[in-house]
Amino acid sequence: MPNTARWAATITLTATAVCGPLTGTALADPSPTSLYAPSSLVLTTGHGEIAAEAAPERAVTLSCAPTASGTHPAAVAACGELRATGGDFDALMARSGVLCTREYDPVVVTVDGVWQGRRISYERTFANECVKNSYGTAVFTF
């Protein structure tokens, strides 16, 4: 009898270890209960008044969860700025002390993707490249 109980326990534990990971989709499910909500963005920039008229001249990717990564040149700093604003791009303020010319050469920035599980589609036009780079310290400087 003790041998049968030992075999039953061994089979149960083996089945649980092998089949347990197959029963859920916790790694593939970006639900609010997962450890990290997805945060992956594509940022583009181009010259023009609106994105529909401006051909993208540069595009970068930015992923902030679980760690900062992507082709953005300052991914760690950009993710830190976005975390500080809760992903609100309008909350990024111009740095004080930055002097830009009054030249009007519009630059449009677009952001599309997901921030902490929430769909983001953002567009903003700046008067010129210097003004664009003065907002925040890293998000728009690419």
C-alpha atoms as a PDB file:
ATOM      1  CA  MET A   1       0.000   0.000   0.000  1.00  0.00           C
ATOM      2  CA  PRO A   2       2.682   2.594   0.838  1.00  0.00           C
ATOM      3  CA  ASN A   3       4.259   1.950  -2.578  1.00  0.00           C
ATOM      4  CA  THR A   4       0.951   2.731  -4.319  1.00  0.00           C
ATOM      5  CA  ALA A   5       0.541   5.987  -2.399  1.00  0.00           C
ATOM      6  CA  ARG A   6       4.091   7.009  -3.310  1.00  0.00           C
ATOM      7  CA  TRP A   7       3.446   6.317  -7.017  1.00  0.00           C
ATOM      8  CA  ALA A   8       0.164   8.237  -6.910  1.00  0.00           C
ATOM      9  CA  ALA A   9       1.883  11.248  -5.311  1.00  0.00           C
ATOM     10  CA  THR A  10       4.730  11.094  -7.844  1.00  0.00           C
ATOM     11  CA  ILE A  11       2.344  10.944 -10.801  1.00  0.00           C
ATOM     12  CA  THR A  12       0.225  13.798  -9.408  1.00  0.00           C
ATOM     13  CA  LEU A  13       3.251  16.040  -8.844  1.00  0.00           C
ATOM     14  CA  THR A  14       4.679  15.229 -12.280  1.00  0.00           C
ATOM     15  CA  ALA A  15       1.363  15.954 -13.992  1.00  0.00           C
ATOM     16  CA  THR A  16       1.064  19.242 -12.121  1.00  0.00           C
ATOM     17  CA  ALA A  17       4.609  20.276 -13.042  1.00  0.00           C
ATOM     18  CA  VAL A  18       4.209  19.359 -16.715  1.00  0.00           C
ATOM     19  CA  CYS A  19       0.626  20.441 -17.339  1.00  0.00           C
ATOM     20  CA  GLY A  20       0.386  23.372 -14.917  1.00  0.00           C
ATOM     21  CA  PRO A  21       2.076  25.926 -17.208  1.00  0.00           C
ATOM     22  CA  LEU A  22      -0.142  24.830 -20.095  1.00  0.00           C
ATOM     23  CA  THR A  23      -3.388  25.709 -18.322  1.00  0.00           C
ATOM     24  CA  GLY A  24      -2.897  29.506 -18.217  1.00  0.00           C
ATOM     25  CA  THR A  25      -1.787  32.253 -20.545  1.00  0.00           C
ATOM     26  CA  ALA A  26      -0.351  34.587 -17.929  1.00  0.00           C
ATOM     27  CA  LEU A  27       2.729  35.439 -19.993  1.00  0.00           C
ATOM     28  CA  ALA A  28       0.809  36.191 -23.180  1.00  0.00           C
ATOM     29  CA  ASP A  29      -2.125  37.943 -21.504  1.00  0.00           C
ATOM     30  CA  PRO A  30      -1.621  41.700 -21.035  1.00  0.00           C
ATOM     31  CA  SER A  31      -4.436  41.856 -18.483  1.00  0.00           C
ATOM     32  CA  PRO A  32      -4.300  44.286 -15.569  1.00  0.00           C
ATOM     33  CA  THR A  33      -3.444  41.427 -13.235  1.00  0.00           C
ATOM     34  CA  SER A  34      -0.155  40.679 -14.996  1.00  0.00           C
ATOM     35  CA  LEU A  35       3.040  41.940 -13.408  1.00  0.00           C
ATOM     36  CA  TYR A  36       3.842  44.479 -16.146  1.00  0.00           C
ATOM     37  CA  ALA A  37       1.289  46.168 -18.348  1.00  0.00           C
ATOM     38  CA  PRO A  38       2.640  46.522 -21.886  1.00  0.00           C
ATOM     39  CA  SER A  39       4.281  49.825 -22.751  1.00  0.00           C
ATOM     40  CA  SER A  40       5.575  49.851 -26.291  1.00  0.00           C
ATOM     41  CA  LEU A  41       5.528  52.926 -28.517  1.00  0.00           C
ATOM     42  CA  VAL A  42       6.588  54.037 -31.993  1.00  0.00           C
ATOM     43  CA  LEU A  43       7.587  57.696 -32.218  1.00  0.00           C
ATOM     44  CA  THR A  44       8.013  59.474 -35.567  1.00  0.00           C
ATOM     45  CA  THR A  45       9.062  62.945 -36.593  1.00  0.00           C
ATOM     46  CA  GLY A  46       8.788  64.828 -39.859  1.00  0.00           C
ATOM     47  CA  HIS A  47       8.588  68.360 -41.237  1.00  0.00           C
ATOM     48  CA  GLY A  48       5.124  69.771 -41.837  1.00  0.00           C
ATOM     49  CA  GLU A  49       2.008  71.131 -40.170  1.00  0.00           C
ATOM     50  CA  ILE A  50       0.220  67.808 -39.608  1.00  0.00           C
ATOM     51  CA  ALA A  51       1.253  64.173 -39.792  1.00  0.00           C
ATOM     52  CA  ALA A  52      -1.008  63.497 -42.782  1.00  0.00           C
ATOM     53  CA  GLU A  53       1.042  65.970 -44.839  1.00  0.00           C
ATOM     54  CA  ALA A  54       4.483  65.257 -43.352  1.00  0.00           C
ATOM     55  CA  ALA A  55       6.363  62.192 -44.445  1.00  0.00           C
ATOM     56  CA  PRO A  56       8.077  60.581 -41.448  1.00  0.00           C
ATOM     57  CA  GLU A  57      11.791  61.362 -41.574  1.00  0.00           C
ATOM     58  CA  ARG A  58      12.758  59.403 -38.494  1.00  0.00           C
ATOM     59  CA  ALA A  59      11.090  56.694 -36.423  1.00  0.00           C
ATOM     60  CA  VAL A  60      12.154  55.065 -33.166  1.00  0.00           C
ATOM     61  CA  THR A  61      10.706  52.418 -30.888  1.00  0.00           C
ATOM     62  CA  LEU A  62      10.422  52.735 -27.130  1.00  0.00           C
ATOM     63  CA  SER A  63       9.470  49.929 -24.778  1.00  0.00           C
ATOM     64  CA  CYS A  64       9.279  50.700 -21.057  1.00  0.00           C
ATOM     65  CA  ALA A  65       8.097  47.499 -19.382  1.00  0.00           C
ATOM     66  CA  PRO A  66       9.644  45.577 -17.784  1.00  0.00           C
ATOM     67  CA  THR A  67      12.824  47.520 -18.675  1.00  0.00           C
ATOM     68  CA  ALA A  68      13.565  50.409 -21.007  1.00  0.00           C
ATOM     69  CA  SER A  69      14.601  49.303 -24.485  1.00  0.00           C
ATOM     70  CA  GLY A  70      14.118  50.044 -28.158  1.00  0.00           C
ATOM     71  CA  THR A  71      15.852  52.133 -30.800  1.00  0.00           C
ATOM     72  CA  HIS A  72      15.218  55.415 -28.961  1.00  0.00           C
ATOM     73  CA  PRO A  73      18.678  56.904 -28.241  1.00  0.00           C
ATOM     74  CA  ALA A  74      17.793  57.709 -24.606  1.00  0.00           C
ATOM     75  CA  ALA A  75      15.294  54.953 -23.782  1.00  0.00           C
ATOM     76  CA  VAL A  76      15.928  54.911 -20.016  1.00  0.00           C
ATOM     77  CA  ALA A  77      15.515  58.682 -19.615  1.00  0.00           C
ATOM     78  CA  ALA A  78      12.484  58.783 -21.943  1.00  0.00           C
ATOM     79  CA  CYS A  79      10.732  56.012 -19.999  1.00  0.00           C
ATOM     80  CA  GLY A  80      11.483  57.826 -16.750  1.00  0.00           C
ATOM     81  CA  GLU A  81       9.902  61.032 -18.073  1.00  0.00           C
ATOM     82  CA  LEU A  82       6.822  59.188 -19.266  1.00  0.00           C
ATOM     83  CA  ARG A  83       6.429  57.373 -15.955  1.00  0.00           C
ATOM     84  CA  ALA A  84       6.624  60.736 -14.163  1.00  0.00           C
ATOM     85  CA  THR A  85       3.766  62.113 -16.292  1.00  0.00           C
ATOM     86  CA  GLY A  86       1.726  58.904 -16.269  1.00  0.00           C
ATOM     87  CA  GLY A  87       2.183  58.602 -20.038  1.00  0.00           C
ATOM     88  CA  ASP A  88       0.646  62.041 -20.677  1.00  0.00           C
ATOM     89  CA  PHE A  89       2.657  63.581 -23.515  1.00  0.00           C
ATOM     90  CA  ASP A  90       0.896  66.933 -23.078  1.00  0.00           C
ATOM     91  CA  ALA A  91       2.303  67.116 -19.541  1.00  0.00           C
ATOM     92  CA  LEU A  92       5.875  67.256 -20.884  1.00  0.00           C
ATOM     93  CA  MET A  93       6.899  70.862 -20.369  1.00  0.00           C
ATOM     94  CA  ALA A  94       9.552  72.928 -22.144  1.00  0.00           C
ATOM     95  CA  ARG A  95      12.817  73.162 -20.229  1.00  0.00           C
ATOM     96  CA  SER A  96      13.631  76.618 -18.944  1.00  0.00           C
ATOM     97  CA  GLY A  97      16.741  78.329 -20.218  1.00  0.00           C
ATOM     98  CA  VAL A  98      16.564  76.845 -23.729  1.00  0.00           C
ATOM     99  CA  LEU A  99      16.874  79.552 -26.373  1.00  0.00           C
ATOM    100  CA  CYS A 100      15.390  78.829 -29.788  1.00  0.00           C
ATOM    101  CA  THR A 101      15.035  81.025 -32.854  1.00  0.00           C
ATOM    102  CA  ARG A 102      11.627  82.197 -33.987  1.00  0.00           C
ATOM    103  CA  GLU A 103      12.100  80.516 -37.336  1.00  0.00           C
ATOM    104  CA  TYR A 104       8.919  78.723 -38.389  1.00  0.00           C
ATOM    105  CA  ASP A 105       9.851  75.343 -39.814  1.00  0.00           C
ATOM    106  CA  PRO A 106       7.118  73.098 -38.360  1.00  0.00           C
ATOM    107  CA  VAL A 107       8.052  69.680 -37.038  1.00  0.00           C
ATOM    108  CA  VAL A 108       5.343  67.155 -36.262  1.00  0.00           C
ATOM    109  CA  VAL A 109       5.794  64.292 -33.795  1.00  0.00           C
ATOM    110  CA  THR A 110       3.499  61.279 -33.647  1.00  0.00           C
ATOM    111  CA  VAL A 111       3.324  58.554 -31.026  1.00  0.00           C
ATOM    112  CA  ASP A 112       1.396  55.324 -31.534  1.00  0.00           C
ATOM    113  CA  GLY A 113       1.308  52.222 -29.397  1.00  0.00           C
ATOM    114  CA  VAL A 114       0.405  51.122 -25.892  1.00  0.00           C
ATOM    115  CA  TRP A 115       1.295  52.777 -22.590  1.00  0.00           C
ATOM    116  CA  GLN A 116       0.683  50.618 -19.495  1.00  0.00           C
ATOM    117  CA  GLY A 117      -1.990  48.642 -21.321  1.00  0.00           C
ATOM    118  CA  ARG A 118      -3.759  51.741 -22.687  1.00  0.00           C
ATOM    119  CA  ARG A 119      -3.835  52.539 -26.439  1.00  0.00           C
ATOM    120  CA  ILE A 120      -2.020  55.795 -27.304  1.00  0.00           C
ATOM    121  CA  SER A 121      -2.279  57.881 -30.465  1.00  0.00           C
ATOM    122  CA  TYR A 122      -0.695  61.310 -30.123  1.00  0.00           C
ATOM    123  CA  GLU A 123       0.299  64.073 -32.527  1.00  0.00           C
ATOM    124  CA  ARG A 124       1.927  67.420 -31.787  1.00  0.00           C
ATOM    125  CA  THR A 125       3.371  70.137 -34.011  1.00  0.00           C
ATOM    126  CA  PHE A 126       6.295  72.264 -32.840  1.00  0.00           C
ATOM    127  CA  ALA A 127       7.459  75.540 -34.417  1.00  0.00           C
ATOM    128  CA  ASN A 128      10.897  74.088 -35.220  1.00  0.00           C
ATOM    129  CA  GLU A 129      13.364  71.344 -34.273  1.00  0.00           C
ATOM    130  CA  CYS A 130      14.838  73.335 -31.372  1.00  0.00           C
ATOM    131  CA  VAL A 131      11.423  73.840 -29.775  1.00  0.00           C
ATOM    132  CA  LYS A 132      10.652  70.121 -30.169  1.00  0.00           C
ATOM    133  CA  ASN A 133      13.906  69.150 -28.468  1.00  0.00           C
ATOM    134  CA  SER A 134      13.265  71.560 -25.587  1.00  0.00           C
ATOM    135  CA  TYR A 135      10.203  69.610 -24.377  1.00  0.00           C
ATOM    136  CA  GLY A 136      11.156  67.169 -21.655  1.00  0.00           C
ATOM    137  CA  THR A 137      14.737  66.054 -21.664  1.00  0.00           C
ATOM    138  CA  ALA A 138      14.636  62.871 -23.689  1.00  0.00           C
ATOM    139  CA  VAL A 139      11.240  61.783 -25.052  1.00  0.00           C
ATOM    140  CA  PHE A 140      11.229  63.959 -28.188  1.00  0.00           C
ATOM    141  CA  THR A 141      15.006  64.147 -28.702  1.00  0.00           C
ATOM    142  CA  PHE A 142      15.617  61.523 -31.344  1.00  0.00           C
END
